[in-house]
Amino acid sequence: MSVLMELSRILIRENNDYQIIELREVDGDRTFPIVIGLPEAQAIERRLHGIEIKRPQTHELLAHVIEAFGGELVSITINDLAEHTFFATLDIRKPDGSTMNIDSRPSDAIALGIAKGVPVFVEERVLDEAQSEC
């Protein structure tokens, strides 16, 4: 079972090698952090605030490719946690109506989906595991 989550906050510390995004359960109290890199954190923040850039970066490029092939990003699912690393999928509806799930880092998936308001889901067992590690 998947739980609907939302981006709660982004902690950017430019002097560190890692940044943190925090996801919060939409209809509950659970939260958990995901450690990400500075470029991904900046991309998420930029897309969250609608800041346009002159040339497309990787996340914009991928969004354009998905759309050019007639696909639509419909959700992001964080579906695994192994050795302190989260795994996610881009859930894409193809032109024929079927859905494909493409392996992704959660930070890239969130950066891609945040500008379009794509829902973020976390598998219940991953949320439970993340809570036990905190």
C-alpha atoms as a PDB file:
ATOM      1  CA  MET A   1       0.000   0.000   0.000  1.00  0.00           C
ATOM      2  CA  SER A   2       1.260   3.482  -0.855  1.00  0.00           C
ATOM      3  CA  VAL A   3       0.992   6.575   1.324  1.00  0.00           C
ATOM      4  CA  LEU A   4       0.538  10.040  -0.205  1.00  0.00           C
ATOM      5  CA  MET A   5       3.337  12.367   0.913  1.00  0.00           C
ATOM      6  CA  GLU A   6       4.271  15.981   0.259  1.00  0.00           C
ATOM      7  CA  LEU A   7       7.495  17.905   0.282  1.00  0.00           C
ATOM      8  CA  SER A   8       7.656  19.503   3.706  1.00  0.00           C
ATOM      9  CA  ARG A   9      10.960  21.343   3.512  1.00  0.00           C
ATOM     10  CA  ILE A  10      14.355  21.599   1.860  1.00  0.00           C
ATOM     11  CA  LEU A  11      17.458  22.179   3.944  1.00  0.00           C
ATOM     12  CA  ILE A  12      20.241  23.587   1.797  1.00  0.00           C
ATOM     13  CA  ARG A  13      23.659  24.074   3.356  1.00  0.00           C
ATOM     14  CA  GLU A  14      26.000  25.042   0.572  1.00  0.00           C
ATOM     15  CA  ASN A  15      29.092  24.240   2.653  1.00  0.00           C
ATOM     16  CA  ASN A  16      28.066  20.568   3.011  1.00  0.00           C
ATOM     17  CA  ASP A  17      28.283  17.740   0.518  1.00  0.00           C
ATOM     18  CA  TYR A  18      24.729  16.702   1.297  1.00  0.00           C
ATOM     19  CA  GLN A  19      21.377  18.415   1.606  1.00  0.00           C
ATOM     20  CA  ILE A  20      18.116  17.190   3.093  1.00  0.00           C
ATOM     21  CA  ILE A  21      14.556  17.136   1.855  1.00  0.00           C
ATOM     22  CA  GLU A  22      11.815  16.144   4.231  1.00  0.00           C
ATOM     23  CA  LEU A  23       8.624  14.424   3.164  1.00  0.00           C
ATOM     24  CA  ARG A  24       5.469  14.583   5.291  1.00  0.00           C
ATOM     25  CA  GLU A  25       2.457  12.296   5.219  1.00  0.00           C
ATOM     26  CA  VAL A  26      -0.532  14.187   3.779  1.00  0.00           C
ATOM     27  CA  ASP A  27      -3.170  12.594   6.020  1.00  0.00           C
ATOM     28  CA  GLY A  28      -0.977  11.791   9.004  1.00  0.00           C
ATOM     29  CA  ASP A  29       1.945  12.795  11.160  1.00  0.00           C
ATOM     30  CA  ARG A  30       4.827  10.759   9.773  1.00  0.00           C
ATOM     31  CA  THR A  31       7.848  12.500   8.239  1.00  0.00           C
ATOM     32  CA  PHE A  32      11.245  11.382   7.123  1.00  0.00           C
ATOM     33  CA  PRO A  33      14.358  12.955   5.620  1.00  0.00           C
ATOM     34  CA  ILE A  34      16.120  12.015   2.403  1.00  0.00           C
ATOM     35  CA  VAL A  35      19.748  13.022   1.951  1.00  0.00           C
ATOM     36  CA  ILE A  36      20.440  14.451  -1.522  1.00  0.00           C
ATOM     37  CA  GLY A  37      23.167  16.372  -3.337  1.00  0.00           C
ATOM     38  CA  LEU A  38      23.365  20.151  -3.682  1.00  0.00           C
ATOM     39  CA  PRO A  39      22.512  20.262  -7.430  1.00  0.00           C
ATOM     40  CA  GLU A  40      19.366  18.196  -6.850  1.00  0.00           C
ATOM     41  CA  ALA A  41      18.328  20.346  -3.870  1.00  0.00           C
ATOM     42  CA  GLN A  42      18.830  23.504  -5.921  1.00  0.00           C
ATOM     43  CA  ALA A  43      16.834  22.036  -8.821  1.00  0.00           C
ATOM     44  CA  ILE A  44      13.952  21.122  -6.499  1.00  0.00           C
ATOM     45  CA  GLU A  45      13.973  24.565  -4.892  1.00  0.00           C
ATOM     46  CA  ARG A  46      14.140  26.304  -8.288  1.00  0.00           C
ATOM     47  CA  ARG A  47      11.242  24.260  -9.702  1.00  0.00           C
ATOM     48  CA  LEU A  48       9.230  24.680  -6.488  1.00  0.00           C
ATOM     49  CA  HIS A  49       9.492  28.455  -6.787  1.00  0.00           C
ATOM     50  CA  GLY A  50       8.937  28.507 -10.562  1.00  0.00           C
ATOM     51  CA  ILE A  51      12.331  30.033 -11.286  1.00  0.00           C
ATOM     52  CA  GLU A  52      13.052  29.810 -15.008  1.00  0.00           C
ATOM     53  CA  ILE A  53      16.524  29.151 -16.354  1.00  0.00           C
ATOM     54  CA  LYS A  54      17.926  30.027 -19.764  1.00  0.00           C
ATOM     55  CA  ARG A  55      18.702  26.469 -20.889  1.00  0.00           C
ATOM     56  CA  PRO A  56      17.080  23.203 -19.833  1.00  0.00           C
ATOM     57  CA  GLN A  57      18.925  21.188 -17.248  1.00  0.00           C
ATOM     58  CA  THR A  58      18.656  17.425 -16.848  1.00  0.00           C
ATOM     59  CA  HIS A  59      15.253  17.440 -15.144  1.00  0.00           C
ATOM     60  CA  GLU A  60      13.728  19.794 -17.711  1.00  0.00           C
ATOM     61  CA  LEU A  61      15.267  17.770 -20.516  1.00  0.00           C
ATOM     62  CA  LEU A  62      13.746  14.550 -19.205  1.00  0.00           C
ATOM     63  CA  ALA A  63      10.332  16.219 -18.797  1.00  0.00           C
ATOM     64  CA  HIS A  64      10.491  17.364 -22.437  1.00  0.00           C
ATOM     65  CA  VAL A  65      11.506  13.884 -23.624  1.00  0.00           C
ATOM     66  CA  ILE A  66       8.625  12.225 -21.745  1.00  0.00           C
ATOM     67  CA  GLU A  67       6.158  14.705 -23.260  1.00  0.00           C
ATOM     68  CA  ALA A  68       7.677  14.440 -26.771  1.00  0.00           C
ATOM     69  CA  PHE A  69       7.025  10.697 -26.724  1.00  0.00           C
ATOM     70  CA  GLY A  70       3.430  11.288 -25.660  1.00  0.00           C
ATOM     71  CA  GLY A  71       3.949  10.248 -22.046  1.00  0.00           C
ATOM     72  CA  GLU A  72       2.784  11.929 -18.883  1.00  0.00           C
ATOM     73  CA  LEU A  73       4.416  11.733 -15.468  1.00  0.00           C
ATOM     74  CA  VAL A  74       1.487  10.842 -13.215  1.00  0.00           C
ATOM     75  CA  SER A  75       3.222  10.087  -9.916  1.00  0.00           C
ATOM     76  CA  ILE A  76       6.445   9.345  -8.118  1.00  0.00           C
ATOM     77  CA  THR A  77       6.751   6.321  -5.870  1.00  0.00           C
ATOM     78  CA  ILE A  78       9.479   5.780  -3.313  1.00  0.00           C
ATOM     79  CA  ASN A  79       9.404   2.022  -3.258  1.00  0.00           C
ATOM     80  CA  ASP A  80      12.477   0.722  -1.459  1.00  0.00           C
ATOM     81  CA  LEU A  81      15.071   1.460   1.203  1.00  0.00           C
ATOM     82  CA  ALA A  82      18.280  -0.551   1.254  1.00  0.00           C
ATOM     83  CA  GLU A  83      21.538   0.213   3.052  1.00  0.00           C
ATOM     84  CA  HIS A  84      20.324   3.725   3.959  1.00  0.00           C
ATOM     85  CA  THR A  85      19.503   4.490   0.307  1.00  0.00           C
ATOM     86  CA  PHE A  86      15.992   5.237  -0.978  1.00  0.00           C
ATOM     87  CA  PHE A  87      14.836   4.018  -4.391  1.00  0.00           C
ATOM     88  CA  ALA A  88      12.010   5.483  -6.457  1.00  0.00           C
ATOM     89  CA  THR A  89      10.163   5.173  -9.738  1.00  0.00           C
ATOM     90  CA  LEU A  90       8.835   7.668 -12.210  1.00  0.00           C
ATOM     91  CA  ASP A  91       5.306   6.456 -12.916  1.00  0.00           C
ATOM     92  CA  ILE A  92       4.587   7.417 -16.523  1.00  0.00           C
ATOM     93  CA  ARG A  93       1.334   6.988 -18.428  1.00  0.00           C
ATOM     94  CA  LYS A  94       2.088   6.008 -22.014  1.00  0.00           C
ATOM     95  CA  PRO A  95      -0.036   7.121 -25.000  1.00  0.00           C
ATOM     96  CA  ASP A  96      -1.862   3.753 -24.998  1.00  0.00           C
ATOM     97  CA  GLY A  97      -3.013   4.373 -21.401  1.00  0.00           C
ATOM     98  CA  SER A  98      -0.726   1.812 -19.784  1.00  0.00           C
ATOM     99  CA  THR A  99       1.706   2.848 -17.068  1.00  0.00           C
ATOM    100  CA  MET A 100       5.427   2.200 -16.927  1.00  0.00           C
ATOM    101  CA  ASN A 101       7.652   2.575 -13.888  1.00  0.00           C
ATOM    102  CA  ILE A 102      11.166   3.846 -14.499  1.00  0.00           C
ATOM    103  CA  ASP A 103      13.858   3.468 -11.834  1.00  0.00           C
ATOM    104  CA  SER A 104      14.981   6.822 -10.431  1.00  0.00           C
ATOM    105  CA  ARG A 105      16.703   8.433  -7.508  1.00  0.00           C
ATOM    106  CA  PRO A 106      14.050  10.068  -5.294  1.00  0.00           C
ATOM    107  CA  SER A 107      15.760  13.450  -5.586  1.00  0.00           C
ATOM    108  CA  ASP A 108      15.648  13.364  -9.395  1.00  0.00           C
ATOM    109  CA  ALA A 109      12.055  12.147  -9.387  1.00  0.00           C
ATOM    110  CA  ILE A 110      10.959  14.901  -7.015  1.00  0.00           C
ATOM    111  CA  ALA A 111      12.870  17.551  -8.982  1.00  0.00           C
ATOM    112  CA  LEU A 112      11.108  16.365 -12.127  1.00  0.00           C
ATOM    113  CA  GLY A 113       7.630  16.190 -10.628  1.00  0.00           C
ATOM    114  CA  ILE A 114       7.524  19.163  -8.267  1.00  0.00           C
ATOM    115  CA  ALA A 115       6.820  21.817 -10.899  1.00  0.00           C
ATOM    116  CA  LYS A 116       3.748  19.953 -12.177  1.00  0.00           C
ATOM    117  CA  GLY A 117       2.374  19.077  -8.747  1.00  0.00           C
ATOM    118  CA  VAL A 118       2.812  15.350  -9.361  1.00  0.00           C
ATOM    119  CA  PRO A 119       1.859  13.306  -6.270  1.00  0.00           C
ATOM    120  CA  VAL A 120       4.597  11.565  -4.322  1.00  0.00           C
ATOM    121  CA  PHE A 121       3.807   8.181  -2.805  1.00  0.00           C
ATOM    122  CA  VAL A 122       5.859   6.111  -0.396  1.00  0.00           C
ATOM    123  CA  GLU A 123       5.313   2.400   0.099  1.00  0.00           C
ATOM    124  CA  GLU A 124       4.067   1.738   3.651  1.00  0.00           C
ATOM    125  CA  ARG A 125       6.912  -0.654   4.465  1.00  0.00           C
ATOM    126  CA  VAL A 126       9.491   1.930   3.288  1.00  0.00           C
ATOM    127  CA  LEU A 127       7.877   4.569   5.483  1.00  0.00           C
ATOM    128  CA  ASP A 128       7.971   2.142   8.437  1.00  0.00           C
ATOM    129  CA  GLU A 129      11.644   1.323   7.779  1.00  0.00           C
ATOM    130  CA  ALA A 130      12.532   5.019   7.473  1.00  0.00           C
ATOM    131  CA  GLN A 131      10.793   5.740  10.775  1.00  0.00           C
ATOM    132  CA  SER A 132      12.733   2.974  12.522  1.00  0.00           C
ATOM    133  CA  GLU A 133      16.070   4.333  11.204  1.00  0.00           C
ATOM    134  CA  CYS A 134      15.424   7.872  12.495  1.00  0.00           C
END
